[in-house]
Amino acid sequence: MLTQANHWLDIAGTVIDGLLLCRVLLLKLHRVYLFITLVCLLGLFFDIVLLWLGPSSQESARVFLYSRFLYAVLFPAVAWEVFEEMKLQISKLRRLGILRLISGLLLATIFGLIVSAFAENEPGAPPARLATLAVVLWAGSSTACLTFLFALQKNLRAQEIMLPRNTFVWLIFYQLSFTYEILSCFFLVVAPLLKSPAIDTVQLFLSIYDIAITSWCILKLRSLPSDVPSAPEKASL
């Protein structure tokens, strides 16, 4: 029963990701948020591919793991772009934050290379070294980006700088989204130690969480009055 529920939630998640992409395009937010739009597009693409291949297939596992390399590169660009509407106002703060983010990525890469050197291949599975490196980079990139967003938000609050509405929405969404990525990475590591009902239950929780935050983002996004950033306003959840 849980397995069937997870299957339908995978389909629902794909539909929701498609709606988010449509929302971004219809509101013409892609003119400001290029990398965010790209990640929305890739999210829908990989959702469709994984559904087509089947969640239990080796091909699906390979696509999922290798896509983590791409996301590890794109996540920092997305975190940077969250504040694109106010780039002139906070350019110095953003530059200081991105240096810490890059340092975190370099440390994650070095750690991933060291850990992957001791990985052993299993017959029929993706190459263990590449898979281990992908997971470490995925987790490291997500953690560094989440830290970047929280640090910049703290600095903005300290300086009493108000956020444009869409900046606020993307900030909350990606804070929750990067948390989801970290939880998913942790679950991927510990899943071999769990029994089937527990695995299905955690997958169910993660799917509902992902659908909920994406639905919230779709409802909260608003169009920009022009190609210039929107005026600051006190956005709310």
Foldseek 3Di string as FASTA:
>chain_A
DLVVVLLVLLVVLLVLLVLLLVLCVVLVVCLQQVLVNVVSVVVNVLSVVLNVQDVPDQVNVVSVLVVLVVCLVSLLVNLLSLQRLCCVVCVVVSVVLSVQLVVLLVVLQVVLQVVLVPFDDDPPHPNSSSSSSSLSSSLSSLVSSLVSLVVSVVVCVVVVPFGAQSSVLSSVLSNLVSVLSNVVSVCVVCVVVDDDVVNSVVSSVSSVSSSVSSVVSSVRDHHAPDSHRHDGDHYDD
